[in-house]
Amino acid sequence: MEARLVWGVLVGPLRVLCVLCCLLGRAIAA
């Protein structure tokens, strides 16, 4: 259970950053 919570806390922000980077990349490319 603890491992899952730690994994979720670590992966959550990373996913958000990836999405933001993708959106910024598309905006610049557009």
PDB file of N, CA and C in Angstrom:
ATOM      1  N   MET A   1       0.841  -1.209   0.000  1.00  0.00           N
ATOM      2  CA  MET A   1       0.000   0.000   0.000  1.00  0.00           C
ATOM      3  C   MET A   1       0.879   1.264   0.000  1.00  0.00           C
ATOM      4  N   GLU A   2       1.883   1.290   0.874  1.00  0.00           N
ATOM      5  CA  GLU A   2       2.750   2.471   0.955  1.00  0.00           C
ATOM      6  C   GLU A   2       3.479   2.693  -0.360  1.00  0.00           C
ATOM      7  N   ALA A   3       3.943   1.597  -0.959  1.00  0.00           N
ATOM      8  CA  ALA A   3       4.671   1.709  -2.232  1.00  0.00           C
ATOM      9  C   ALA A   3       3.772   2.340  -3.288  1.00  0.00           C
ATOM     10  N   ARG A   4       2.504   1.941  -3.304  1.00  0.00           N
ATOM     11  CA  ARG A   4       1.567   2.491  -4.305  1.00  0.00           C
ATOM     12  C   ARG A   4       1.351   3.976  -4.069  1.00  0.00           C
ATOM     13  N   LEU A   5       1.242   4.373  -2.813  1.00  0.00           N
ATOM     14  CA  LEU A   5       1.026   5.790  -2.504  1.00  0.00           C
ATOM     15  C   LEU A   5       2.227   6.610  -2.944  1.00  0.00           C
ATOM     16  N   VAL A   6       3.430   6.118  -2.631  1.00  0.00           N
ATOM     17  CA  VAL A   6       4.655   6.836  -3.018  1.00  0.00           C
ATOM     18  C   VAL A   6       4.744   6.913  -4.527  1.00  0.00           C
ATOM     19  N   TRP A   7       4.448   5.777  -5.214  1.00  0.00           N
ATOM     20  CA  TRP A   7       4.503   5.741  -6.685  1.00  0.00           C
ATOM     21  C   TRP A   7       3.524   6.751  -7.266  1.00  0.00           C
ATOM     22  N   GLY A   8       2.323   6.798  -6.716  1.00  0.00           N
ATOM     23  CA  GLY A   8       1.299   7.730  -7.208  1.00  0.00           C
ATOM     24  C   GLY A   8       1.736   9.180  -7.026  1.00  0.00           C
ATOM     25  N   VAL A   9       2.341   9.476  -5.882  1.00  0.00           N
ATOM     26  CA  VAL A   9       2.798  10.847  -5.609  1.00  0.00           C
ATOM     27  C   VAL A   9       3.919  11.234  -6.566  1.00  0.00           C
ATOM     28  N   LEU A  10       4.788  10.264  -6.905  1.00  0.00           N
ATOM     29  CA  LEU A  10       5.912  10.552  -7.807  1.00  0.00           C
ATOM     30  C   LEU A  10       5.453  10.645  -9.250  1.00  0.00           C
ATOM     31  N   VAL A  11       4.566   9.742  -9.667  1.00  0.00           N
ATOM     32  CA  VAL A  11       4.122   9.695 -11.065  1.00  0.00           C
ATOM     33  C   VAL A  11       3.102  10.794 -11.380  1.00  0.00           C
ATOM     34  N   GLY A  12       2.265  11.149 -10.430  1.00  0.00           N
ATOM     35  CA  GLY A  12       1.243  12.174 -10.650  1.00  0.00           C
ATOM     36  C   GLY A  12       1.803  13.450 -11.260  1.00  0.00           C
ATOM     37  N   PRO A  13       2.709  14.139 -10.548  1.00  0.00           N
ATOM     38  CA  PRO A  13       3.310  15.389 -11.044  1.00  0.00           C
ATOM     39  C   PRO A  13       4.029  15.189 -12.368  1.00  0.00           C
ATOM     40  N   LEU A  14       4.673  14.033 -12.547  1.00  0.00           N
ATOM     41  CA  LEU A  14       5.409  13.774 -13.796  1.00  0.00           C
ATOM     42  C   LEU A  14       4.441  13.739 -14.964  1.00  0.00           C
ATOM     43  N   ARG A  15       3.281  13.119 -14.765  1.00  0.00           N
ATOM     44  CA  ARG A  15       2.278  13.053 -15.842  1.00  0.00           C
ATOM     45  C   ARG A  15       1.789  14.448 -16.183  1.00  0.00           C
ATOM     46  N   VAL A  16       1.555  15.252 -15.161  1.00  0.00           N
ATOM     47  CA  VAL A  16       1.085  16.631 -15.382  1.00  0.00           C
ATOM     48  C   VAL A  16       2.124  17.414 -16.175  1.00  0.00           C
ATOM     49  N   LEU A  17       3.400  17.254 -15.801  1.00  0.00           N
ATOM     50  CA  LEU A  17       4.473  17.969 -16.507  1.00  0.00           C
ATOM     51  C   LEU A  17       4.537  17.518 -17.953  1.00  0.00           C
ATOM     52  N   CYS A  18       4.380  16.226 -18.197  1.00  0.00           N
ATOM     53  CA  CYS A  18       4.443  15.697 -19.566  1.00  0.00           C
ATOM     54  C   CYS A  18       3.321  16.299 -20.408  1.00  0.00           C
ATOM     55  N   VAL A  19       2.120  16.360 -19.824  1.00  0.00           N
ATOM     56  CA  VAL A  19       0.972  16.908 -20.552  1.00  0.00           C
ATOM     57  C   VAL A  19       1.199  18.386 -20.864  1.00  0.00           C
ATOM     58  N   LEU A  20       1.692  19.136 -19.884  1.00  0.00           N
ATOM     59  CA  LEU A  20       1.940  20.564 -20.095  1.00  0.00           C
ATOM     60  C   LEU A  20       2.996  20.767 -21.174  1.00  0.00           C
ATOM     61  N   CYS A  21       4.056  19.938 -21.137  1.00  0.00           N
ATOM     62  CA  CYS A  21       5.122  20.054 -22.145  1.00  0.00           C
ATOM     63  C   CYS A  21       4.558  19.755 -23.528  1.00  0.00           C
ATOM     64  N   CYS A  22       3.711  18.741 -23.621  1.00  0.00           N
ATOM     65  CA  CYS A  22       3.121  18.376 -24.917  1.00  0.00           C
ATOM     66  C   CYS A  22       2.272  19.534 -25.439  1.00  0.00           C
ATOM     67  N   LEU A  23       1.464  20.137 -24.578  1.00  0.00           N
ATOM     68  CA  LEU A  23       0.608  21.252 -24.985  1.00  0.00           C
ATOM     69  C   LEU A  23       1.454  22.443 -25.429  1.00  0.00           C
ATOM     70  N   LEU A  24       2.522  22.732 -24.687  1.00  0.00           N
ATOM     71  CA  LEU A  24       3.401  23.855 -25.051  1.00  0.00           C
ATOM     72  C   LEU A  24       4.068  23.577 -26.388  1.00  0.00           C
ATOM     73  N   GLY A  25       4.501  22.344 -26.595  1.00  0.00           N
ATOM     74  CA  GLY A  25       5.153  21.972 -27.853  1.00  0.00           C
ATOM     75  C   GLY A  25       4.207  22.157 -29.030  1.00  0.00           C
ATOM     76  N   ARG A  26       2.957  21.755 -28.854  1.00  0.00           N
ATOM     77  CA  ARG A  26       1.968  21.894 -29.939  1.00  0.00           C
ATOM     78  C   ARG A  26       1.686  23.368 -30.205  1.00  0.00           C
ATOM     79  N   ALA A  27       1.603  24.159 -29.150  1.00  0.00           N
ATOM     80  CA  ALA A  27       1.321  25.589 -29.302  1.00  0.00           C
ATOM     81  C   ALA A  27       2.455  26.263 -30.071  1.00  0.00           C
ATOM     82  N   ILE A  28       3.691  25.882 -29.764  1.00  0.00           N
ATOM     83  CA  ILE A  28       4.854  26.485 -30.444  1.00  0.00           C
ATOM     84  C   ILE A  28       4.907  26.018 -31.896  1.00  0.00           C
ATOM     85  N   ALA A  29       4.592  24.747 -32.121  1.00  0.00           N
ATOM     86  CA  ALA A  29       4.662  24.185 -33.478  1.00  0.00           C
ATOM     87  C   ALA A  29       3.529  24.737 -34.343  1.00  0.00           C
ATOM     88  N   ALA A  30       2.376  25.032 -33.706  1.00  0.00           N
ATOM     89  CA  ALA A  30       1.224  25.487 -34.481  1.00  0.00           C
ATOM     90  C   ALA A  30       1.501  26.836 -35.111  1.00  0.00           C
TER      91      ALA A  30
END
